[in-house]
Structures are given as structure tokens and as C-alpha cells.
């Protein structure tokens, strides 16, 4: 059985939020910050760590 990567990551995120119960503002800040960082000039700096 083959599961798409995006689905696996979404399932991990749901389980993590349900078990750890972080504040909603923290989840939103991390999502928006990651989105902004991915499109910034600093993205090549973090690229080796993500791969």
C-alpha cells in the first residue's frame, strides 16, 4: 500500500496537535512562519537541513 507523503504528514500533524495540545496561535505562527521562510532569501540556507 502506498500512502502519499502529504497525507502522512497531515496525519502526523493531527495526531501531534491532539496529543500535545499546543495553543492555536503557536500552530498558526509556525505554519505561517514556515511558509514565509520557504519563500525568503534564507531558504537556500535551510535547504541542506531539510533534505
C-alpha atoms as a PDB file:
ATOM      1  CA  UNK A   1       0.000   0.000   0.000  1.00  0.00           C
ATOM      2  CA  UNK A   2       1.372   3.389  -0.999  1.00  0.00           C
ATOM      3  CA  UNK A   3       0.460   6.484   1.005  1.00  0.00           C
ATOM      4  CA  UNK A   4       1.130   9.992  -0.345  1.00  0.00           C
ATOM      5  CA  UNK A   5       3.678  11.967   1.663  1.00  0.00           C
ATOM      6  CA  UNK A   6       1.354  14.938   2.168  1.00  0.00           C
ATOM      7  CA  UNK A   7      -1.289  12.644   3.683  1.00  0.00           C
ATOM      8  CA  UNK A   8       1.232  11.058   6.049  1.00  0.00           C
ATOM      9  CA  UNK A   9       2.488  14.471   7.191  1.00  0.00           C
ATOM     10  CA  UNK A  10      -1.087  15.720   7.674  1.00  0.00           C
ATOM     11  CA  UNK A  11      -1.903  12.663   9.816  1.00  0.00           C
ATOM     12  CA  UNK A  12       1.207  13.203  11.942  1.00  0.00           C
ATOM     13  CA  UNK A  13       0.271  16.860  12.388  1.00  0.00           C
ATOM     14  CA  UNK A  14      -3.255  15.985  13.521  1.00  0.00           C
ATOM     15  CA  UNK A  15      -2.004  13.377  15.991  1.00  0.00           C
ATOM     16  CA  UNK A  16       0.669  15.744  17.300  1.00  0.00           C
ATOM     17  CA  UNK A  17      -1.791  18.580  17.846  1.00  0.00           C
ATOM     18  CA  UNK A  18      -4.281  16.277  19.562  1.00  0.00           C
ATOM     19  CA  UNK A  19      -1.716  14.714  21.902  1.00  0.00           C
ATOM     20  CA  UNK A  20       0.476  17.719  22.726  1.00  0.00           C
ATOM     21  CA  UNK A  21      -2.337  20.326  22.775  1.00  0.00           C
ATOM     22  CA  UNK A  22      -0.241  23.355  21.746  1.00  0.00           C
ATOM     23  CA  UNK A  23      -2.006  26.721  21.711  1.00  0.00           C
ATOM     24  CA  UNK A  24      -3.705  27.549  18.420  1.00  0.00           C
ATOM     25  CA  UNK A  25      -1.693  30.747  17.986  1.00  0.00           C
ATOM     26  CA  UNK A  26       1.550  28.735  18.133  1.00  0.00           C
ATOM     27  CA  UNK A  27       0.376  26.348  15.410  1.00  0.00           C
ATOM     28  CA  UNK A  28      -0.639  29.277  13.203  1.00  0.00           C
ATOM     29  CA  UNK A  29       2.642  31.133  13.776  1.00  0.00           C
ATOM     30  CA  UNK A  30       4.674  28.029  12.905  1.00  0.00           C
ATOM     31  CA  UNK A  31       2.684  27.394   9.722  1.00  0.00           C
ATOM     32  CA  UNK A  32       2.848  30.994   8.527  1.00  0.00           C
ATOM     33  CA  UNK A  33       6.496  31.347   9.555  1.00  0.00           C
ATOM     34  CA  UNK A  34       7.467  28.197   7.664  1.00  0.00           C
ATOM     35  CA  UNK A  35       5.587  29.361   4.586  1.00  0.00           C
ATOM     36  CA  UNK A  36       7.271  32.772   4.664  1.00  0.00           C
ATOM     37  CA  UNK A  37      10.702  31.278   5.347  1.00  0.00           C
ATOM     38  CA  UNK A  38      10.379  28.867   2.417  1.00  0.00           C
ATOM     39  CA  UNK A  39       9.950  31.776   0.014  1.00  0.00           C
ATOM     40  CA  UNK A  40      12.572  34.057   1.530  1.00  0.00           C
ATOM     41  CA  UNK A  41      16.217  34.656   0.720  1.00  0.00           C
ATOM     42  CA  UNK A  42      17.169  32.408   3.651  1.00  0.00           C
ATOM     43  CA  UNK A  43      15.606  29.325   2.049  1.00  0.00           C
ATOM     44  CA  UNK A  44      18.903  28.103   0.472  1.00  0.00           C
ATOM     45  CA  UNK A  45      20.489  28.249   3.920  1.00  0.00           C
ATOM     46  CA  UNK A  46      17.956  25.755   5.344  1.00  0.00           C
ATOM     47  CA  UNK A  47      17.748  23.582   2.236  1.00  0.00           C
ATOM     48  CA  UNK A  48      20.558  21.146   3.227  1.00  0.00           C
ATOM     49  CA  UNK A  49      18.933  20.513   6.615  1.00  0.00           C
ATOM     50  CA  UNK A  50      15.541  19.757   5.088  1.00  0.00           C
ATOM     51  CA  UNK A  51      16.817  17.262   2.528  1.00  0.00           C
END
